[in-house]
Protein backbone atom coordinates (compact mmCIF):
# COMPACT_ATOMS: atom_id res chain seq x y z
CA MET A 1 0.84 -29.48 11.25
CA HIS A 2 3.52 -31.78 12.39
CA ASP A 3 3.39 -33.78 9.17
CA LYS A 4 3.68 -30.55 7.15
CA LEU A 5 6.60 -29.35 9.16
CA LEU A 6 8.43 -32.79 8.66
CA ALA A 7 7.91 -32.43 4.92
CA ILE A 8 9.34 -28.87 4.92
CA VAL A 9 12.35 -30.11 6.90
CA GLU A 10 12.89 -32.90 4.35
CA GLU A 11 12.73 -30.47 1.44
CA PHE A 12 15.15 -28.20 3.21
CA ASP A 13 17.61 -31.10 3.58
CA ARG A 14 17.20 -32.12 0.00
CA LEU A 15 17.99 -28.64 -1.21
CA SER A 16 21.15 -28.68 1.02
CA ARG A 17 22.33 -32.00 -0.36
CA GLU A 18 21.85 -30.91 -3.97
CA MET A 19 23.60 -27.67 -3.41
CA GLY A 20 26.61 -29.70 -2.56
CA THR A 21 26.65 -31.67 -5.76
CA GLN A 22 28.79 -30.75 -8.70
CA GLU A 23 25.81 -30.67 -11.02
CA VAL A 24 24.03 -27.88 -9.09
CA ALA A 25 27.09 -26.03 -7.85
CA SER A 26 28.39 -25.64 -11.49
CA ASN A 27 25.12 -24.08 -12.74
CA PRO A 28 24.72 -20.58 -11.26
CA ASP A 29 20.92 -20.30 -12.16
CA VAL A 30 20.00 -23.59 -10.50
CA TYR A 31 22.18 -22.88 -7.50
CA ARG A 32 20.66 -19.52 -7.09
CA ARG A 33 17.23 -20.94 -7.13
CA HIS A 34 18.09 -23.55 -4.63
CA ALA A 35 19.69 -20.99 -2.32
CA LYS A 36 16.59 -18.74 -2.56
CA ALA A 37 14.31 -21.72 -1.71
CA GLN A 38 16.53 -22.85 1.15
CA SER A 39 16.60 -19.26 2.47
CA ASP A 40 12.87 -18.96 2.48
CA LEU A 41 12.70 -22.15 4.61
CA GLN A 42 15.58 -21.54 6.94
CA GLU A 43 13.75 -19.68 9.76
CA LEU A 44 10.84 -22.15 9.79
CA VAL A 45 13.35 -25.14 9.95
CA ALA A 46 15.33 -23.72 12.73
CA CYS A 47 12.31 -22.97 14.69
CA PHE A 48 10.89 -26.49 14.25
CA ARG A 49 14.20 -28.12 15.18
CA HIS A 50 14.25 -25.95 18.34
CA TYR A 51 10.81 -27.13 19.06
CA GLN A 52 11.81 -30.80 18.51
CA LEU A 53 14.77 -30.36 20.87
CA ASN A 54 12.51 -28.99 23.57
CA VAL A 55 9.99 -31.81 23.15
CA THR A 56 12.98 -34.37 23.73
CA ARG A 57 14.11 -32.38 26.74
CA LEU A 58 10.40 -32.33 28.10
CA ASP A 59 10.15 -36.21 27.75
CA GLU A 60 13.46 -36.36 29.67
CA ALA A 61 12.05 -34.31 32.44
CA ASP A 62 8.96 -36.27 32.65
CA GLN A 63 11.12 -39.45 32.78
CA ILE A 64 13.06 -38.05 35.76
CA LEU A 65 9.86 -37.11 37.56
CA ARG A 66 8.55 -40.70 37.06
CA ASP A 67 11.78 -42.48 38.12
CA GLU A 68 13.67 -40.21 40.53
CA THR A 69 13.31 -40.20 44.22
CA ASP A 70 15.76 -37.37 45.16
CA LEU A 71 13.56 -34.40 46.13
CA GLU A 72 16.18 -31.75 44.86
CA ILE A 73 16.56 -33.37 41.46
CA ARG A 74 12.76 -33.70 41.21
CA GLU A 75 12.34 -30.02 41.93
CA MET A 76 14.97 -29.16 39.20
CA ALA A 77 13.18 -31.36 36.72
CA ASP A 78 9.70 -29.86 37.68
CA GLU A 79 11.10 -26.29 37.16
CA GLU A 80 12.59 -27.30 33.90
CA LYS A 81 9.34 -28.93 32.76
CA ARG A 82 7.34 -25.66 33.48
CA ASP A 83 10.01 -23.68 31.45
CA LEU A 84 9.85 -26.15 28.57
CA THR A 85 6.20 -26.23 28.42
CA SER A 86 5.92 -22.35 28.27
CA SER A 87 8.67 -22.33 25.67
CA LEU A 88 6.74 -24.89 23.56
CA ASP A 89 3.58 -23.01 23.60
CA GLU A 90 5.60 -19.88 22.32
CA LEU A 91 7.32 -21.92 19.72
CA GLU A 92 4.10 -23.42 18.51
CA THR A 93 2.62 -20.05 18.08
CA GLN A 94 5.70 -18.98 16.16
CA LEU A 95 5.45 -22.04 13.93
CA ARG A 96 1.90 -21.28 13.02
CA LEU A 97 2.77 -17.87 12.13
CA LEU A 98 5.73 -19.09 9.93
CA LEU A 99 3.32 -21.41 8.20
CA LEU A 100 0.97 -18.66 7.19
CA PRO A 101 1.05 -18.17 3.45
CA LYS A 102 3.49 -15.38 2.46
CA ASP A 103 2.34 -12.53 0.46
CA PRO A 104 4.11 -13.01 -2.87
CA LEU A 105 4.35 -9.17 -3.21
CA ASP A 106 6.29 -8.71 0.01
CA ALA A 107 9.76 -8.99 -1.52
CA LYS A 108 8.91 -6.36 -4.34
CA ASN A 109 10.23 -2.84 -4.69
CA THR A 110 7.56 -0.24 -4.10
CA ILE A 111 6.14 2.95 -5.69
CA VAL A 112 4.76 5.38 -3.21
CA GLU A 113 2.35 8.17 -4.28
CA ILE A 114 1.74 11.14 -1.80
CA ARG A 115 -0.91 13.63 -2.75
CA ALA A 116 -2.07 16.68 -0.74
CA GLY A 117 -5.80 16.57 0.20
CA THR A 118 -7.77 18.97 2.25
CA GLY A 119 -5.91 21.84 3.75
CA GLY A 120 -4.50 23.73 0.81
CA GLU A 121 -0.83 24.93 1.12
CA GLU A 122 -0.61 23.31 4.69
CA ALA A 123 -1.51 19.92 3.21
CA ALA A 124 1.17 20.31 0.57
CA LEU A 125 3.74 21.16 3.16
CA PHE A 126 2.66 18.08 5.13
CA ALA A 127 2.97 15.95 1.97
CA ALA A 128 6.59 17.26 1.84
CA ASP A 129 7.09 16.22 5.43
CA LEU A 130 5.78 12.71 4.80
CA PHE A 131 8.16 12.40 1.90
CA ARG A 132 10.97 13.39 4.20
CA MET A 133 9.87 10.84 6.79
CA TYR A 134 9.83 8.04 4.33
CA SER A 135 13.22 9.18 2.79
CA ARG A 136 14.85 9.08 6.28
CA TYR A 137 13.37 5.66 6.84
CA ALA A 138 14.70 4.36 3.58
CA GLU A 139 18.14 5.64 4.51
CA ARG A 140 17.95 3.79 7.87
CA LYS A 141 17.09 0.56 5.98
CA ASP A 142 19.76 1.15 3.28
CA TRP A 143 17.14 1.30 0.55
CA ARG A 144 17.50 3.32 -2.56
CA LEU A 145 14.91 6.03 -3.31
CA GLU A 146 14.27 7.52 -6.69
CA VAL A 147 11.80 10.40 -7.27
CA MET A 148 9.74 9.57 -10.26
CA ASN A 149 7.46 12.76 -10.49
CA THR A 150 6.76 15.86 -8.53
CA ASN A 151 4.27 18.76 -8.49
CA ALA A 152 5.80 21.27 -6.15
CA THR A 153 4.35 24.48 -4.68
CA GLY A 154 6.08 27.70 -4.25
CA LEU A 155 6.56 27.32 -0.49
CA GLY A 156 8.38 23.94 -0.64
CA GLY A 157 5.41 21.63 -0.45
CA PHE A 158 4.13 19.00 -2.92
CA LYS A 159 0.71 18.81 -4.33
CA GLU A 160 1.89 15.40 -5.41
CA ILE A 161 5.07 13.45 -5.33
CA THR A 162 5.70 9.88 -6.58
CA PHE A 163 8.91 7.86 -5.75
CA LYS A 164 10.19 4.37 -5.93
CA ILE A 165 12.00 2.59 -3.13
CA THR A 166 14.23 -0.28 -4.03
CA GLY A 167 15.64 -2.72 -1.56
CA GLU A 168 15.14 -5.91 0.43
CA SER A 169 11.44 -6.61 1.16
CA VAL A 170 10.49 -2.98 0.75
CA TYR A 171 6.73 -3.80 0.17
CA SER A 172 6.32 -5.97 3.26
CA GLN A 173 7.51 -3.00 5.46
CA LEU A 174 5.47 -0.19 3.72
CA LYS A 175 2.29 -1.83 2.52
CA PHE A 176 0.23 -0.68 5.56
CA GLU A 177 1.05 2.96 5.00
CA GLY A 178 -1.61 3.41 2.27
CA GLY A 179 -4.55 5.59 3.30
CA VAL A 180 -5.39 9.17 4.68
CA HIS A 181 -2.74 10.72 7.00
CA ARG A 182 -4.26 13.56 8.98
CA VAL A 183 -2.01 16.35 10.62
CA GLN A 184 -2.96 18.74 13.39
CA ARG A 185 -0.67 21.65 13.85
CA VAL A 186 -0.08 25.42 13.57
CA PRO A 187 0.75 26.07 9.97
CA THR A 188 3.73 28.37 9.17
CA THR A 189 1.23 30.41 7.06
CA GLU A 190 -1.09 30.89 10.14
CA ALA A 191 -0.71 34.34 11.65
CA GLN A 192 -3.14 33.80 14.50
CA GLY A 193 -1.58 30.67 15.94
CA ARG A 194 -4.61 28.50 15.44
CA ILE A 195 -4.22 24.81 15.01
CA HIS A 196 -5.36 23.52 11.57
CA THR A 197 -6.34 19.99 10.44
CA SER A 198 -5.08 18.85 6.88
CA ALA A 199 -4.93 15.60 5.19
CA VAL A 200 -2.66 13.79 2.74
CA THR A 201 -3.28 10.52 0.89
CA VAL A 202 -0.70 7.91 0.57
CA ALA A 203 -0.80 5.06 -2.01
CA VAL A 204 1.73 2.13 -1.73
CA LEU A 205 2.06 0.13 -4.89
CA PRO A 206 4.03 -2.94 -5.44
CA GLU A 207 6.25 -2.57 -8.55
CA ALA A 208 4.76 -4.43 -11.38
CA ASP A 209 6.87 -5.75 -14.26
CA ALA A 210 5.80 -6.19 -17.90
CA VAL A 211 5.06 -9.92 -17.44
CA GLU A 212 2.63 -9.21 -14.52
CA VAL A 213 0.78 -6.34 -16.16
CA ALA A 214 0.89 -6.31 -19.98
CA LEU A 215 -0.02 -3.12 -21.66
CA ASP A 216 -1.63 -3.05 -25.10
CA ALA A 217 -0.37 -0.09 -27.15
CA ASN A 218 -3.91 0.33 -28.44
CA ASP A 219 -5.22 0.82 -24.93
CA LEU A 220 -2.82 3.82 -24.43
CA GLN A 221 -3.07 7.47 -25.34
CA ILE A 222 0.27 9.10 -24.91
CA ASP A 223 0.61 12.89 -24.90
CA VAL A 224 3.70 15.00 -24.70
CA TYR A 225 3.82 18.64 -23.42
CA ARG A 226 6.11 21.24 -21.88
CA SER A 227 6.96 20.69 -18.25
CA SER A 228 5.56 23.05 -15.70
CA GLY A 229 6.75 24.03 -12.16
CA PRO A 230 9.49 26.24 -10.80
CA GLY A 231 11.39 27.85 -13.63
CA GLY A 232 15.08 27.90 -14.48
CA GLN A 233 15.44 24.26 -15.51
CA SER A 234 15.87 22.98 -18.90
CA VAL A 235 12.98 20.45 -18.39
CA ASN A 236 10.73 23.48 -18.77
CA THR A 237 11.99 24.51 -22.27
CA THR A 238 11.20 21.29 -24.26
CA ASP A 239 8.26 18.96 -24.67
CA SER A 240 9.73 16.38 -22.38
CA ALA A 241 6.65 15.94 -20.14
CA VAL A 242 4.62 12.74 -20.66
CA ARG A 243 0.94 12.03 -19.97
CA VAL A 244 -0.19 8.36 -20.40
CA THR A 245 -3.80 7.60 -20.27
CA HIS A 246 -5.01 3.96 -19.99
CA LYS A 247 -8.23 3.94 -21.87
CA PRO A 248 -9.87 0.83 -20.37
CA SER A 249 -9.50 1.99 -16.75
CA GLY A 250 -9.36 5.76 -17.22
CA LEU A 251 -6.06 5.87 -15.19
CA VAL A 252 -3.88 8.93 -16.04
CA VAL A 253 -0.14 9.09 -15.22
CA THR A 254 2.08 12.07 -15.77
CA CYS A 255 5.86 12.26 -15.52
CA GLN A 256 7.81 15.53 -16.16
CA ASP A 257 10.99 15.53 -13.93
CA GLU A 258 13.42 14.17 -16.38
CA LYS A 259 14.89 16.05 -19.25
CA SER A 260 14.29 13.09 -21.61
CA GLN A 261 10.97 12.39 -22.95
CA HIS A 262 11.84 8.66 -23.26
CA LYS A 263 12.70 8.53 -19.55
CA ASN A 264 9.47 10.27 -18.43
CA LYS A 265 7.50 7.79 -20.62
CA ALA A 266 9.29 4.75 -19.12
CA LYS A 267 8.62 6.03 -15.55
CA ALA A 268 4.97 6.71 -16.43
CA LEU A 269 4.45 3.28 -17.87
CA MET A 270 6.10 1.79 -14.69
CA ILE A 271 3.78 3.68 -12.40
CA LEU A 272 0.81 2.83 -14.60
CA ARG A 273 1.59 -0.97 -14.37
CA SER A 274 1.98 -0.68 -10.67
CA ARG A 275 -1.46 1.13 -10.33
CA LEU A 276 -3.01 -1.50 -12.39
CA LEU A 277 -1.58 -4.39 -10.36
CA ALA A 278 -2.72 -2.63 -7.11
CA HIS A 279 -6.18 -2.25 -8.50
CA LYS A 280 -6.28 -5.86 -9.50
CA ILE A 281 -5.13 -6.90 -5.96
CA GLU A 282 -7.78 -4.70 -4.45
CA GLU A 283 -10.43 -6.22 -6.46
CA GLU A 284 -9.47 -9.76 -5.68
CA ALA A 285 -9.38 -8.84 -1.94
CA SER A 286 -12.83 -7.40 -2.18
CA ALA A 287 -14.09 -10.65 -3.85
CA ARG A 288 -12.59 -12.77 -1.09
CA SER A 289 -14.15 -10.71 1.83
CA ALA A 290 -17.30 -8.65 1.56
CA ASP A 291 -16.23 -6.74 4.72
CA ARG A 292 -12.67 -5.48 4.65
CA ARG A 293 -13.06 -2.93 7.40
CA ASN A 294 -11.37 -5.16 9.96
CA GLN A 295 -8.32 -5.70 7.78
CA VAL A 296 -5.14 -3.79 8.66
CA GLY A 297 -4.14 -1.56 5.81
CA SER A 298 -6.88 -2.50 3.30
CA GLY A 299 -5.33 0.05 0.94
CA ASP A 300 -8.48 2.19 0.77
CA ARG A 301 -7.30 5.75 0.24
CA SER A 302 -10.32 7.13 1.83
CA GLU A 303 -9.56 5.34 5.14
CA ARG A 304 -8.07 7.68 7.70
CA ILE A 305 -5.37 5.60 9.17
CA ARG A 306 -3.21 8.02 11.22
CA THR A 307 -3.21 11.33 12.97
CA TYR A 308 -0.01 13.36 13.55
CA ASN A 309 -0.75 15.92 16.40
CA PHE A 310 2.32 18.18 16.65
CA PRO A 311 1.11 20.39 19.56
CA GLN A 312 0.88 17.18 21.77
CA ASN A 313 3.86 15.50 20.08
CA ARG A 314 1.52 12.57 19.44
CA LEU A 315 1.00 10.02 16.64
CA THR A 316 -2.07 7.83 16.71
CA ASP A 317 -2.64 4.89 14.29
CA HIS A 318 -6.32 4.46 14.34
CA ARG A 319 -6.33 0.87 13.00
CA ILE A 320 -4.45 -0.66 15.85
CA ASN A 321 -5.07 1.99 18.62
CA LEU A 322 -1.36 2.68 18.86
CA THR A 323 -0.33 6.08 20.38
CA LEU A 324 3.20 7.27 20.58
CA TYR A 325 4.44 10.59 22.03
CA ARG A 326 7.71 11.04 20.07
CA LEU A 327 6.44 12.70 16.91
CA GLU A 328 9.74 14.67 16.26
CA ALA A 329 11.73 11.46 15.99
CA ILE A 330 8.95 9.87 13.83
CA ALA A 331 9.06 12.79 11.37
CA GLU A 332 12.81 11.97 11.03
CA GLY A 333 12.07 8.55 9.80
CA ASP A 334 12.07 6.64 13.16
CA ILE A 335 8.88 4.62 12.23
CA GLN A 336 10.07 0.99 12.72
CA ASP A 337 7.96 0.49 15.87
CA ILE A 338 4.85 1.50 13.95
CA VAL A 339 5.74 -0.75 11.02
CA ASP A 340 6.40 -3.73 13.35
CA ALA A 341 3.15 -3.12 15.30
CA LEU A 342 1.08 -3.09 12.08
CA ILE A 343 2.93 -6.23 10.78
CA ALA A 344 2.20 -7.92 14.07
CA ALA A 345 -1.53 -6.83 14.09
CA ASP A 346 -1.87 -8.28 10.58
CA ARG A 347 -0.25 -11.56 11.43
CA ALA A 348 -2.48 -11.91 14.54
CA ARG A 349 -5.59 -11.39 12.43
CA ARG A 350 -4.52 -13.89 9.81
CA LEU A 351 -3.60 -16.37 12.58
CA ALA A 352 -7.12 -16.05 14.14
CA GLU A 353 -8.60 -16.54 10.66
CA ALA A 354 -6.54 -19.62 9.97
């Protein structure tokens, strides 16, 4: 590991030197690539240099303990040695984490699909609540959210809603949200005050571009039709809705929220590419591991990942046995603690495997 870290520091220093040259500084594309590469290494290099500094200080403390006869100075050196040894253990763990291969998808924008499952209208209302939760979270992160397609109900819920979130490292923060989200509460439609259990599925897809997923026109069946849903909007008076069927996979994507047929088609193709990319990733993960049940956030939509119990103000993430009693704040987008815990659990698993 030490040799690998030294090579990384050397590469970091090389990038720094070249960014200071006229040749690189005068070429915006090259300079941008250098800056991105250097930025990717910066945290690791800073951690390793801190580690090296502490190693030097530990050697100095050992030297004092070998040579010094003054009892007070020896006690100070011994205390510093204990602190440095503990710090070095922590830094070594951090270095191992930073050396883990990064998911190349982490920096991507993300398409999220929320669909009402069992529970009828209550499931649709909970789908709307989840959309609100992710919308509020996106606002906290200064991300931009764009609704791609909706299928609303008369009571303000969603049978289905698809949206895109754009910003810094969106997929890295949201990729563990995929799966079945279960809610336990008294629905607004319940006259007897009984607690109902409903479920909603969430799919989190890294945005795929045309280079990553090429679509052959011969593999696509594109149908246009009149939009449905709440009336009074011009989208319901023209054949602007688009349905795209990918014949080889059988995947079907519909978009109807835009007035323009061309815009709906472009959004549908974007969603289709992302679904195909996610399917490819899942197939590759299955090929690498016959048993994916121990993986945090495998992406399996049939996996019940979380329960929202409103009468008890309790959220439980079943994958990492995390329970929080502040559901009202979570419903308003305060989910960073959950996101961080899932990321930490995934890193710990990968570190153990490595």
